[in-house]
Amino acid sequence: MFYHYAADAVLLIHLAFILFVVFGGLLTIGWRGFPFIHLPAVGWGVFVELTGRICPLTSLENFFLIKAGTAGYGESFVGHYLLAAIYPDGLTRETQYYLGALVLTINFAIYRWLFYYFRRKGSHA
């Protein structure tokens, strides 16, 4: 049972990391030094998508599932609702390229907005 919970925990961490990669730039509003943490994560996420590599979190999750005695993704509450979001059916290399481009586009838009936000905020201080 421990390994099922561990796999679910890794799945939740994986989802949190994906959300952080896509939208984490918004946290820069609270701390201007945050891009030094966020941008490397964006780089990693885009690298994984564009090269088709397997994320270490996926490998860790599969390790726990195998230790739990399942041959792949088991049905748990977390797995049932989050697996399709993290590992969509029919994921192709072309789709991965689009996802990588989408991550870059979203982050470019967020950081562009932040640039103008801080610039405008600084001129009114």
C-alpha atoms as a PDB file:
ATOM      1  CA  MET A   1       0.000   0.000   0.000  1.00  0.00           C
ATOM      2  CA  PHE A   2       2.918   2.340   0.727  1.00  0.00           C
ATOM      3  CA  TYR A   3       4.084   2.157  -2.887  1.00  0.00           C
ATOM      4  CA  HIS A   4       0.652   3.121  -4.223  1.00  0.00           C
ATOM      5  CA  TYR A   5       0.656   6.167  -1.963  1.00  0.00           C
ATOM      6  CA  ALA A   6       4.203   6.987  -2.996  1.00  0.00           C
ATOM      7  CA  ALA A   7       3.222   6.765  -6.685  1.00  0.00           C
ATOM      8  CA  ASP A   8       0.238   9.049  -6.027  1.00  0.00           C
ATOM      9  CA  ALA A   9       2.491  11.520  -4.211  1.00  0.00           C
ATOM     10  CA  VAL A  10       4.922  11.585  -7.133  1.00  0.00           C
ATOM     11  CA  LEU A  11       2.001  12.104  -9.525  1.00  0.00           C
ATOM     12  CA  LEU A  12       0.840  15.103  -7.482  1.00  0.00           C
ATOM     13  CA  ILE A  13       4.369  16.509  -7.389  1.00  0.00           C
ATOM     14  CA  HIS A  14       4.585  15.990 -11.152  1.00  0.00           C
ATOM     15  CA  LEU A  15       1.345  17.910 -11.699  1.00  0.00           C
ATOM     16  CA  ALA A  16       2.534  20.698  -9.392  1.00  0.00           C
ATOM     17  CA  PHE A  17       5.812  20.909 -11.318  1.00  0.00           C
ATOM     18  CA  ILE A  18       3.982  21.117 -14.650  1.00  0.00           C
ATOM     19  CA  LEU A  19       1.749  23.906 -13.338  1.00  0.00           C
ATOM     20  CA  PHE A  20       4.812  25.651 -11.928  1.00  0.00           C
ATOM     21  CA  VAL A  21       6.588  25.446 -15.301  1.00  0.00           C
ATOM     22  CA  VAL A  22       3.600  26.848 -17.166  1.00  0.00           C
ATOM     23  CA  PHE A  23       2.361  29.508 -14.746  1.00  0.00           C
ATOM     24  CA  GLY A  24       5.114  29.959 -12.148  1.00  0.00           C
ATOM     25  CA  GLY A  25       6.274  33.223 -13.648  1.00  0.00           C
ATOM     26  CA  LEU A  26       3.267  34.873 -12.035  1.00  0.00           C
ATOM     27  CA  LEU A  27       4.900  34.292  -8.653  1.00  0.00           C
ATOM     28  CA  THR A  28       7.447  36.928  -9.663  1.00  0.00           C
ATOM     29  CA  ILE A  29       4.909  39.570  -8.635  1.00  0.00           C
ATOM     30  CA  GLY A  30       5.677  38.715  -5.013  1.00  0.00           C
ATOM     31  CA  TRP A  31       9.410  38.263  -5.401  1.00  0.00           C
ATOM     32  CA  ARG A  32      11.404  39.762  -8.241  1.00  0.00           C
ATOM     33  CA  GLY A  33      14.212  37.217  -7.853  1.00  0.00           C
ATOM     34  CA  PHE A  34      11.847  34.350  -8.575  1.00  0.00           C
ATOM     35  CA  PRO A  35      12.765  34.017 -12.294  1.00  0.00           C
ATOM     36  CA  PHE A  36      16.113  32.587 -11.191  1.00  0.00           C
ATOM     37  CA  ILE A  37      14.161  29.607  -9.831  1.00  0.00           C
ATOM     38  CA  HIS A  38      11.388  29.504 -12.410  1.00  0.00           C
ATOM     39  CA  LEU A  39      13.249  29.915 -15.703  1.00  0.00           C
ATOM     40  CA  PRO A  40      15.498  26.849 -15.207  1.00  0.00           C
ATOM     41  CA  ALA A  41      12.333  24.823 -14.559  1.00  0.00           C
ATOM     42  CA  VAL A  42      10.839  26.189 -17.788  1.00  0.00           C
ATOM     43  CA  GLY A  43      14.026  25.235 -19.604  1.00  0.00           C
ATOM     44  CA  TRP A  44      13.827  21.702 -18.245  1.00  0.00           C
ATOM     45  CA  GLY A  45      10.142  21.343 -19.124  1.00  0.00           C
ATOM     46  CA  VAL A  46      10.655  22.578 -22.674  1.00  0.00           C
ATOM     47  CA  PHE A  47      13.765  20.399 -23.059  1.00  0.00           C
ATOM     48  CA  VAL A  48      11.825  17.291 -22.012  1.00  0.00           C
ATOM     49  CA  GLU A  49       8.973  18.082 -24.409  1.00  0.00           C
ATOM     50  CA  LEU A  50      11.126  18.951 -27.403  1.00  0.00           C
ATOM     51  CA  THR A  51      13.553  16.050 -27.039  1.00  0.00           C
ATOM     52  CA  GLY A  52      10.990  13.410 -26.102  1.00  0.00           C
ATOM     53  CA  ARG A  53      12.934  12.419 -23.020  1.00  0.00           C
ATOM     54  CA  ILE A  54      11.290  10.782 -20.049  1.00  0.00           C
ATOM     55  CA  CYS A  55      11.006  13.000 -17.002  1.00  0.00           C
ATOM     56  CA  PRO A  56      12.664  11.502 -13.912  1.00  0.00           C
ATOM     57  CA  LEU A  57       9.370  11.954 -12.048  1.00  0.00           C
ATOM     58  CA  THR A  58       7.714   9.603 -14.534  1.00  0.00           C
ATOM     59  CA  SER A  59      10.421   7.010 -13.952  1.00  0.00           C
ATOM     60  CA  LEU A  60      10.069   7.362 -10.182  1.00  0.00           C
ATOM     61  CA  GLU A  61       6.314   7.008 -10.377  1.00  0.00           C
ATOM     62  CA  ASN A  62       6.628   3.873 -12.530  1.00  0.00           C
ATOM     63  CA  PHE A  63       9.182   2.469 -10.077  1.00  0.00           C
ATOM     64  CA  PHE A  64       6.705   2.827  -7.215  1.00  0.00           C
ATOM     65  CA  LEU A  65       3.886   1.335  -9.272  1.00  0.00           C
ATOM     66  CA  ILE A  66       5.980  -1.691 -10.178  1.00  0.00           C
ATOM     67  CA  LYS A  67       6.999  -2.107  -6.515  1.00  0.00           C
ATOM     68  CA  ALA A  68       3.291  -1.970  -5.659  1.00  0.00           C
ATOM     69  CA  GLY A  69       2.739  -4.931  -7.964  1.00  0.00           C
ATOM     70  CA  THR A  70       1.063  -3.147 -10.843  1.00  0.00           C
ATOM     71  CA  ALA A  71       2.306  -3.362 -14.401  1.00  0.00           C
ATOM     72  CA  GLY A  72       1.590   0.265 -15.096  1.00  0.00           C
ATOM     73  CA  TYR A  73      -0.728   2.909 -13.873  1.00  0.00           C
ATOM     74  CA  GLY A  74      -3.139   1.572 -11.287  1.00  0.00           C
ATOM     75  CA  GLU A  75      -6.495   3.047 -10.530  1.00  0.00           C
ATOM     76  CA  SER A  76      -6.353   5.323  -7.543  1.00  0.00           C
ATOM     77  CA  PHE A  77      -8.258   8.523  -6.966  1.00  0.00           C
ATOM     78  CA  VAL A  78      -5.247  10.652  -7.855  1.00  0.00           C
ATOM     79  CA  GLY A  79      -4.249   8.465 -10.779  1.00  0.00           C
ATOM     80  CA  HIS A  80      -7.755   8.331 -12.179  1.00  0.00           C
ATOM     81  CA  TYR A  81      -8.168  12.102 -12.272  1.00  0.00           C
ATOM     82  CA  LEU A  82      -4.640  13.300 -12.981  1.00  0.00           C
ATOM     83  CA  LEU A  83      -3.107  10.729 -15.316  1.00  0.00           C
ATOM     84  CA  ALA A  84      -5.027  11.894 -18.368  1.00  0.00           C
ATOM     85  CA  ALA A  85      -3.874  15.465 -17.751  1.00  0.00           C
ATOM     86  CA  ILE A  86      -0.202  14.546 -17.370  1.00  0.00           C
ATOM     87  CA  TYR A  87      -0.047  11.632 -19.821  1.00  0.00           C
ATOM     88  CA  PRO A  88      -2.719  12.232 -22.486  1.00  0.00           C
ATOM     89  CA  ASP A  89      -3.685   9.387 -24.805  1.00  0.00           C
ATOM     90  CA  GLY A  90      -2.203   9.670 -28.273  1.00  0.00           C
ATOM     91  CA  LEU A  91       0.752  11.796 -27.204  1.00  0.00           C
ATOM     92  CA  THR A  92       2.928  12.050 -30.306  1.00  0.00           C
ATOM     93  CA  ARG A  93       6.219  13.794 -31.005  1.00  0.00           C
ATOM     94  CA  GLU A  94       4.320  16.448 -32.959  1.00  0.00           C
ATOM     95  CA  THR A  95       2.036  17.043 -29.967  1.00  0.00           C
ATOM     96  CA  GLN A  96       5.100  17.317 -27.735  1.00  0.00           C
ATOM     97  CA  TYR A  97       6.515  19.998 -30.048  1.00  0.00           C
ATOM     98  CA  TYR A  98       3.256  21.925 -29.769  1.00  0.00           C
ATOM     99  CA  LEU A  99       3.243  21.546 -25.991  1.00  0.00           C
ATOM    100  CA  GLY A 100       6.836  22.812 -25.789  1.00  0.00           C
ATOM    101  CA  ALA A 101       5.940  25.794 -27.978  1.00  0.00           C
ATOM    102  CA  LEU A 102       2.852  26.434 -25.860  1.00  0.00           C
ATOM    103  CA  VAL A 103       4.915  26.481 -22.661  1.00  0.00           C
ATOM    104  CA  LEU A 104       7.337  28.949 -24.237  1.00  0.00           C
ATOM    105  CA  THR A 105       4.514  31.141 -25.547  1.00  0.00           C
ATOM    106  CA  ILE A 106       2.691  31.261 -22.213  1.00  0.00           C
ATOM    107  CA  ASN A 107       5.879  32.081 -20.333  1.00  0.00           C
ATOM    108  CA  PHE A 108       6.898  34.708 -22.867  1.00  0.00           C
ATOM    109  CA  ALA A 109       3.495  36.360 -22.431  1.00  0.00           C
ATOM    110  CA  ILE A 110       3.718  36.206 -18.625  1.00  0.00           C
ATOM    111  CA  TYR A 111       7.217  37.680 -18.496  1.00  0.00           C
ATOM    112  CA  ARG A 112       6.344  40.336 -21.068  1.00  0.00           C
ATOM    113  CA  TRP A 113       3.344  41.323 -18.959  1.00  0.00           C
ATOM    114  CA  LEU A 114       5.540  41.340 -15.817  1.00  0.00           C
ATOM    115  CA  PHE A 115       8.087  43.577 -17.552  1.00  0.00           C
ATOM    116  CA  TYR A 116       5.419  46.166 -18.304  1.00  0.00           C
ATOM    117  CA  TYR A 117       3.790  45.702 -14.895  1.00  0.00           C
ATOM    118  CA  PHE A 118       7.018  46.432 -13.007  1.00  0.00           C
ATOM    119  CA  ARG A 119       7.938  49.211 -15.388  1.00  0.00           C
ATOM    120  CA  ARG A 120       4.563  50.919 -14.893  1.00  0.00           C
ATOM    121  CA  LYS A 121       4.669  50.293 -11.141  1.00  0.00           C
ATOM    122  CA  GLY A 122       8.166  51.795 -10.927  1.00  0.00           C
ATOM    123  CA  SER A 123       7.171  54.936 -12.807  1.00  0.00           C
ATOM    124  CA  HIS A 124       4.297  55.584 -10.370  1.00  0.00           C
ATOM    125  CA  ALA A 125       6.345  55.160  -7.217  1.00  0.00           C
END
